[in-house]
C-alpha atoms as a PDB file:
ATOM      1  CA  LEU A   1      91.903  89.028  53.564  1.00  0.00           C
ATOM      2  CA  VAL A   2      94.882  86.758  54.549  1.00  0.00           C
ATOM      3  CA  VAL A   3      97.468  89.936  53.512  1.00  0.00           C
ATOM      4  CA  SER A   4      95.184  92.347  55.689  1.00  0.00           C
ATOM      5  CA  ALA A   5      95.343  90.682  58.430  1.00  0.00           C
ATOM      6  CA  LEU A   6      98.997  89.991  58.778  1.00  0.00           C
ATOM      7  CA  LEU A   7      99.244  93.645  57.851  1.00  0.00           C
ATOM      8  CA  LEU A   8      97.363  94.496  60.224  1.00  0.00           C
ATOM      9  CA  GLY A   9      97.678  91.811  62.886  1.00  0.00           C
ATOM     10  CA  PRO A  10     100.835  90.603  64.053  1.00  0.00           C
ATOM     11  CA  LEU A  11     103.051  92.050  61.498  1.00  0.00           C
ATOM     12  CA  HIS A  12     101.949  94.919  61.971  1.00  0.00           C
ATOM     13  CA  GLU A  13     104.591  97.397  61.682  1.00  0.00           C
ATOM     14  CA  PHE A  14     104.245  96.833  58.289  1.00  0.00           C
ATOM     15  CA  LYS A  15     100.399  97.794  58.022  1.00  0.00           C
ATOM     16  CA  TYR A  16     101.453 100.865  55.188  1.00  0.00           C
ATOM     17  CA  ALA A  17     102.477  97.911  52.772  1.00  0.00           C
ATOM     18  CA  ILE A  18      98.856  97.694  52.776  1.00  0.00           C
ATOM     19  CA  PHE A  19      98.879 100.843  50.714  1.00  0.00           C
ATOM     20  CA  LEU A  20     100.633  98.662  47.909  1.00  0.00           C
ATOM     21  CA  MET A  21      98.077  95.747  47.942  1.00  0.00           C
ATOM     22  CA  ALA A  22      94.815  98.335  47.202  1.00  0.00           C
ATOM     23  CA  GLY A  23      96.599 100.002  45.265  1.00  0.00           C
ATOM     24  CA  TRP A  24      97.309  97.266  43.692  1.00  0.00           C
ATOM     25  CA  THR A  25      93.865  95.998  43.991  1.00  0.00           C
ATOM     26  CA  ALA A  26      92.443  99.360  42.710  1.00  0.00           C
ATOM     27  CA  VAL A  27      94.853  99.649  39.246  1.00  0.00           C
ATOM     28  CA  ARG A  28      94.106  95.939  38.811  1.00  0.00           C
ATOM     29  CA  TYR A  29      90.554  95.538  39.240  1.00  0.00           C
ATOM     30  CA  GLY A  30      89.128  99.079  39.039  1.00  0.00           C
ATOM     31  CA  LEU A  31      86.637 100.434  41.062  1.00  0.00           C
ATOM     32  CA  ARG A  32      84.635  97.762  42.542  1.00  0.00           C
ATOM     33  CA  GLY A  33      88.443  96.427  43.982  1.00  0.00           C
ATOM     34  CA  ALA A  34      89.383  98.839  44.754  1.00  0.00           C
ATOM     35  CA  THR A  35      85.862  99.383  47.018  1.00  0.00           C
ATOM     36  CA  MET A  36      86.629  95.343  48.044  1.00  0.00           C
ATOM     37  CA  SER A  37      89.646  95.540  49.155  1.00  0.00           C
ATOM     38  CA  ILE A  38      88.971  99.079  51.170  1.00  0.00           C
ATOM     39  CA  ALA A  39      86.049  97.529  52.446  1.00  0.00           C
ATOM     40  CA  LEU A  40      87.375  94.007  54.327  1.00  0.00           C
ATOM     41  CA  ILE A  41      90.607  96.012  55.401  1.00  0.00           C
ATOM     42  CA  ALA A  42      88.438  97.858  57.298  1.00  0.00           C
ATOM     43  CA  ALA A  43      87.027  94.568  58.299  1.00  0.00           C
ATOM     44  CA  VAL A  44      89.887  93.839  59.685  1.00  0.00           C
ATOM     45  CA  GLY A  45      90.971  96.370  61.240  1.00  0.00           C
ATOM     46  CA  LEU A  46      88.804  97.333  63.079  1.00  0.00           C
ATOM     47  CA  TRP A  47      88.260  93.577  64.622  1.00  0.00           C
ATOM     48  CA  TYR A  48      91.592  93.680  65.005  1.00  0.00           C
ATOM     49  CA  THR A  49      90.958  97.432  67.165  1.00  0.00           C
ATOM     50  CA  ALA A  50      88.502  96.089  68.665  1.00  0.00           C
ATOM     51  CA  GLN A  51      90.556  93.214  70.628  1.00  0.00           C
ATOM     52  CA  GLY A  52      93.123  96.277  71.855  1.00  0.00           C
ATOM     53  CA  LEU A  53      95.811  94.395  68.545  1.00  0.00           C
ATOM     54  CA  GLY A  54      97.615  95.839  65.686  1.00  0.00           C
ATOM     55  CA  PRO A  55      98.490  98.897  64.541  1.00  0.00           C
ATOM     56  CA  PHE A  56      95.141 100.580  66.374  1.00  0.00           C
ATOM     57  CA  GLY A  57      94.038  99.285  69.548  1.00  0.00           C
ATOM     58  CA  GLY A  58      95.750 100.666  72.811  1.00  0.00           C
ATOM     59  CA  ALA A  59      92.854 101.296  75.906  1.00  0.00           C
ATOM     60  CA  ASP A  60      92.573 104.436  74.356  1.00  0.00           C
ATOM     61  CA  ASN A  61      90.149 105.974  71.650  1.00  0.00           C
ATOM     62  CA  LEU A  62      93.561 107.700  70.264  1.00  0.00           C
ATOM     63  CA  GLY A  63      93.629 104.121  68.388  1.00  0.00           C
ATOM     64  CA  LEU A  64      89.989 104.256  67.022  1.00  0.00           C
ATOM     65  CA  TRP A  65      90.788 108.267  65.637  1.00  0.00           C
ATOM     66  CA  ARG A  66      94.399 106.531  63.895  1.00  0.00           C
ATOM     67  CA  PHE A  67      92.649 104.242  62.887  1.00  0.00           C
ATOM     68  CA  GLN A  68      89.710 106.323  60.819  1.00  0.00           C
ATOM     69  CA  LEU A  69      92.427 108.576  59.148  1.00  0.00           C
ATOM     70  CA  PHE A  70      94.326 105.390  58.210  1.00  0.00           C
ATOM     71  CA  LEU A  71      90.946 104.174  56.053  1.00  0.00           C
ATOM     72  CA  ALA A  72      90.246 107.068  55.135  1.00  0.00           C
ATOM     73  CA  LEU A  73      93.721 108.001  53.238  1.00  0.00           C
ATOM     74  CA  LEU A  74      93.692 104.159  51.958  1.00  0.00           C
ATOM     75  CA  SER A  75      89.977 104.699  50.632  1.00  0.00           C
ATOM     76  CA  VAL A  76      91.070 108.829  49.130  1.00  0.00           C
ATOM     77  CA  GLY A  77      94.599 107.114  47.290  1.00  0.00           C
ATOM     78  CA  SER A  78      92.425 104.417  46.633  1.00  0.00           C
ATOM     79  CA  LEU A  79      90.221 105.924  44.530  1.00  0.00           C
ATOM     80  CA  VAL A  80      91.528 108.012  42.973  1.00  0.00           C
ATOM     81  CA  ILE A  81      93.931 105.604  41.331  1.00  0.00           C
ATOM     82  CA  ALA A  82      91.025 103.229  40.713  1.00  0.00           C
ATOM     83  CA  THR A  83      89.292 105.760  38.981  1.00  0.00           C
ATOM     84  CA  MET A  84      92.302 107.038  37.134  1.00  0.00           C
ATOM     85  CA  ALA A  85      93.514 103.646  35.395  1.00  0.00           C
ATOM     86  CA  THR A  86      89.862 103.333  34.647  1.00  0.00           C
ATOM     87  CA  ALA A  87      89.614 105.724  32.334  1.00  0.00           C
ATOM     88  CA  LEU A  88      93.913 105.725  31.217  1.00  0.00           C
ATOM     89  CA  ARG A  89      92.280 102.099  29.739  1.00  0.00           C
ATOM     90  CA  ALA A  90      89.017 104.001  28.330  1.00  0.00           C
ATOM     91  CA  SER A  91      91.671 106.293  27.008  1.00  0.00           C
ATOM     92  CA  GLU A  92      93.538 103.589  25.651  1.00  0.00           C
ATOM     93  CA  LEU A  93      90.274 101.783  23.756  1.00  0.00           C
ATOM     94  CA  ARG A  94      89.040 104.686  22.139  1.00  0.00           C
ATOM     95  CA  PHE A  95      92.529 105.023  20.532  1.00  0.00           C
ATOM     96  CA  ARG A  96      92.543 101.385  19.965  1.00  0.00           C
ATOM     97  CA  ARG A  97      89.434 102.265  18.814  1.00  0.00           C
ATOM     98  CA  ILE A  98      90.240 104.916  16.431  1.00  0.00           C
ATOM     99  CA  PHE A  99      93.357 104.044  15.580  1.00  0.00           C
ATOM    100  CA  ASP A 100      91.942 100.142  13.539  1.00  0.00           C
ATOM    101  CA  SER A 101      88.913 101.115  12.346  1.00  0.00           C
ATOM    102  CA  ALA A 102      90.250 104.467  10.801  1.00  0.00           C
ATOM    103  CA  GLY A 103      89.788 105.817   6.824  1.00  0.00           C
ATOM    104  CA  ILE A 104      93.542 106.825   6.515  1.00  0.00           C
ATOM    105  CA  GLY A 105      97.428 105.374   7.133  1.00  0.00           C
ATOM    106  CA  ILE A 106      98.618 105.154  10.932  1.00  0.00           C
ATOM    107  CA  ALA A 107     102.235 104.400  11.687  1.00  0.00           C
ATOM    108  CA  LEU A 108     103.575 105.083  15.175  1.00  0.00           C
ATOM    109  CA  VAL A 109     107.093 105.105  14.770  1.00  0.00           C
ATOM    110  CA  GLU A 110     109.723 105.427  17.726  1.00  0.00           C
ATOM    111  CA  PRO A 111     112.793 107.329  18.114  1.00  0.00           C
ATOM    112  CA  ASP A 112     114.734 105.459  16.138  1.00  0.00           C
ATOM    113  CA  GLY A 113     112.600 105.998  12.973  1.00  0.00           C
ATOM    114  CA  ARG A 114     110.961 102.345  13.843  1.00  0.00           C
ATOM    115  CA  ILE A 115     107.594 101.418  13.321  1.00  0.00           C
ATOM    116  CA  SER A 116     105.960  99.589  16.691  1.00  0.00           C
ATOM    117  CA  ALA A 117     102.239  99.028  15.357  1.00  0.00           C
ATOM    118  CA  ALA A 118     100.543 100.182  12.021  1.00  0.00           C
ATOM    119  CA  ASN A 119      97.112 100.282  11.293  1.00  0.00           C
ATOM    120  CA  PRO A 120      95.552  98.228   8.431  1.00  0.00           C
ATOM    121  CA  ALA A 121      94.694 101.227   6.204  1.00  0.00           C
ATOM    122  CA  LEU A 122      98.378 102.004   6.138  1.00  0.00           C
ATOM    123  CA  HIS A 123      99.287  97.872   5.388  1.00  0.00           C
ATOM    124  CA  SER A 124      96.426  97.841   2.507  1.00  0.00           C
ATOM    125  CA  MET A 125      97.591 100.652   1.441  1.00  0.00           C
ATOM    126  CA  LEU A 126     101.214  99.960   1.203  1.00  0.00           C
ATOM    127  CA  GLY A 127     100.384  95.686   0.741  1.00  0.00           C
ATOM    128  CA  TYR A 128     101.737  94.723   3.428  1.00  0.00           C
ATOM    129  CA  ARG A 129      99.928  92.060   5.415  1.00  0.00           C
ATOM    130  CA  GLY A 130      99.294  91.330   9.415  1.00  0.00           C
ATOM    131  CA  SER A 131     102.774  93.184  11.366  1.00  0.00           C
ATOM    132  CA  GLU A 132     104.321  92.438   8.522  1.00  0.00           C
ATOM    133  CA  LEU A 133     105.490  96.803   9.181  1.00  0.00           C
ATOM    134  CA  SER A 134     106.787  96.896  12.789  1.00  0.00           C
ATOM    135  CA  GLY A 135     109.343  96.776  13.250  1.00  0.00           C
ATOM    136  CA  ARG A 136     110.890  98.099  10.186  1.00  0.00           C
ATOM    137  CA  ALA A 137     112.455 101.311   9.770  1.00  0.00           C
ATOM    138  CA  ILE A 138     109.866 104.301   8.169  1.00  0.00           C
ATOM    139  CA  ALA A 139     112.947 105.347   5.916  1.00  0.00           C
ATOM    140  CA  ASP A 140     112.304 101.468   3.969  1.00  0.00           C
ATOM    141  CA  ILE A 141     108.710 102.430   3.190  1.00  0.00           C
ATOM    142  CA  THR A 142     109.432 105.982   2.272  1.00  0.00           C
ATOM    143  CA  HIS A 143     110.424 107.580  -1.546  1.00  0.00           C
ATOM    144  CA  ALA A 144     113.604 107.877  -1.961  1.00  0.00           C
ATOM    145  CA  GLU A 145     112.648 111.820  -3.987  1.00  0.00           C
ATOM    146  CA  ASP A 146     110.882 112.716  -0.117  1.00  0.00           C
ATOM    147  CA  SER A 147     113.529 111.158   2.785  1.00  0.00           C
ATOM    148  CA  ALA A 148     115.497 114.092   2.999  1.00  0.00           C
ATOM    149  CA  ALA A 149     112.033 115.795   3.782  1.00  0.00           C
ATOM    150  CA  GLU A 150     111.215 113.525   6.460  1.00  0.00           C
ATOM    151  CA  ARG A 151     114.148 113.292   8.093  1.00  0.00           C
ATOM    152  CA  THR A 152     113.804 116.693   8.723  1.00  0.00           C
ATOM    153  CA  VAL A 153     109.757 116.789   9.941  1.00  0.00           C
ATOM    154  CA  ILE A 154     111.021 113.560  12.515  1.00  0.00           C
ATOM    155  CA  GLY A 155     114.321 115.715  13.358  1.00  0.00           C
ATOM    156  CA  LYS A 156     111.674 118.770  14.620  1.00  0.00           C
ATOM    157  CA  VAL A 157     108.301 116.423  15.427  1.00  0.00           C
ATOM    158  CA  LEU A 158     110.098 114.167  17.815  1.00  0.00           C
ATOM    159  CA  PRO A 159     111.885 117.285  20.045  1.00  0.00           C
ATOM    160  CA  GLY A 160     107.820 118.164  19.955  1.00  0.00           C
ATOM    161  CA  GLN A 161     109.342 121.296  17.549  1.00  0.00           C
ATOM    162  CA  SER A 162     106.320 120.752  14.772  1.00  0.00           C
ATOM    163  CA  ALA A 163     103.120 119.206  14.697  1.00  0.00           C
ATOM    164  CA  PRO A 164     102.722 116.056  13.437  1.00  0.00           C
ATOM    165  CA  TYR A 165     103.814 113.963  10.132  1.00  0.00           C
ATOM    166  CA  ARG A 166     101.999 113.521   7.083  1.00  0.00           C
ATOM    167  CA  VAL A 167     102.565 112.747   3.972  1.00  0.00           C
ATOM    168  CA  VAL A 168      99.412 113.110   1.004  1.00  0.00           C
END
């Protein structure tokens, strides 16, 4: 509320900086936060416009029309960002649940060949505990006979030329 009062009032030269605040609120708090920030910005902006102050003030009705356009753009942008952030959080949660509860061993491997994450099934299968696999090279847990084939497959997987690597 204070930031919107400042940006739409005395510091109205920076009125578009409010898009950053609304975007952050949308990402951080989702649709509810985006809606609340838009409502607060609208209330502050409408008060300044009605008083003839700020970036949308003036004697004519053009200020009110500009304010409505500003709010429309702010609303659409914030709600789209909030929807995308909510969908991303849901997708990450689904992935995490599948990853953690899968009955097969899964490792996420960085381009340099280091394991960034391994699920409990892989830890159990290989006899490791907790996050002992994180940071290790994939070559450290690969049988010597499979190393050459692994390097070939990983060389194709990383640039997207082949399907994910599976060891049976």
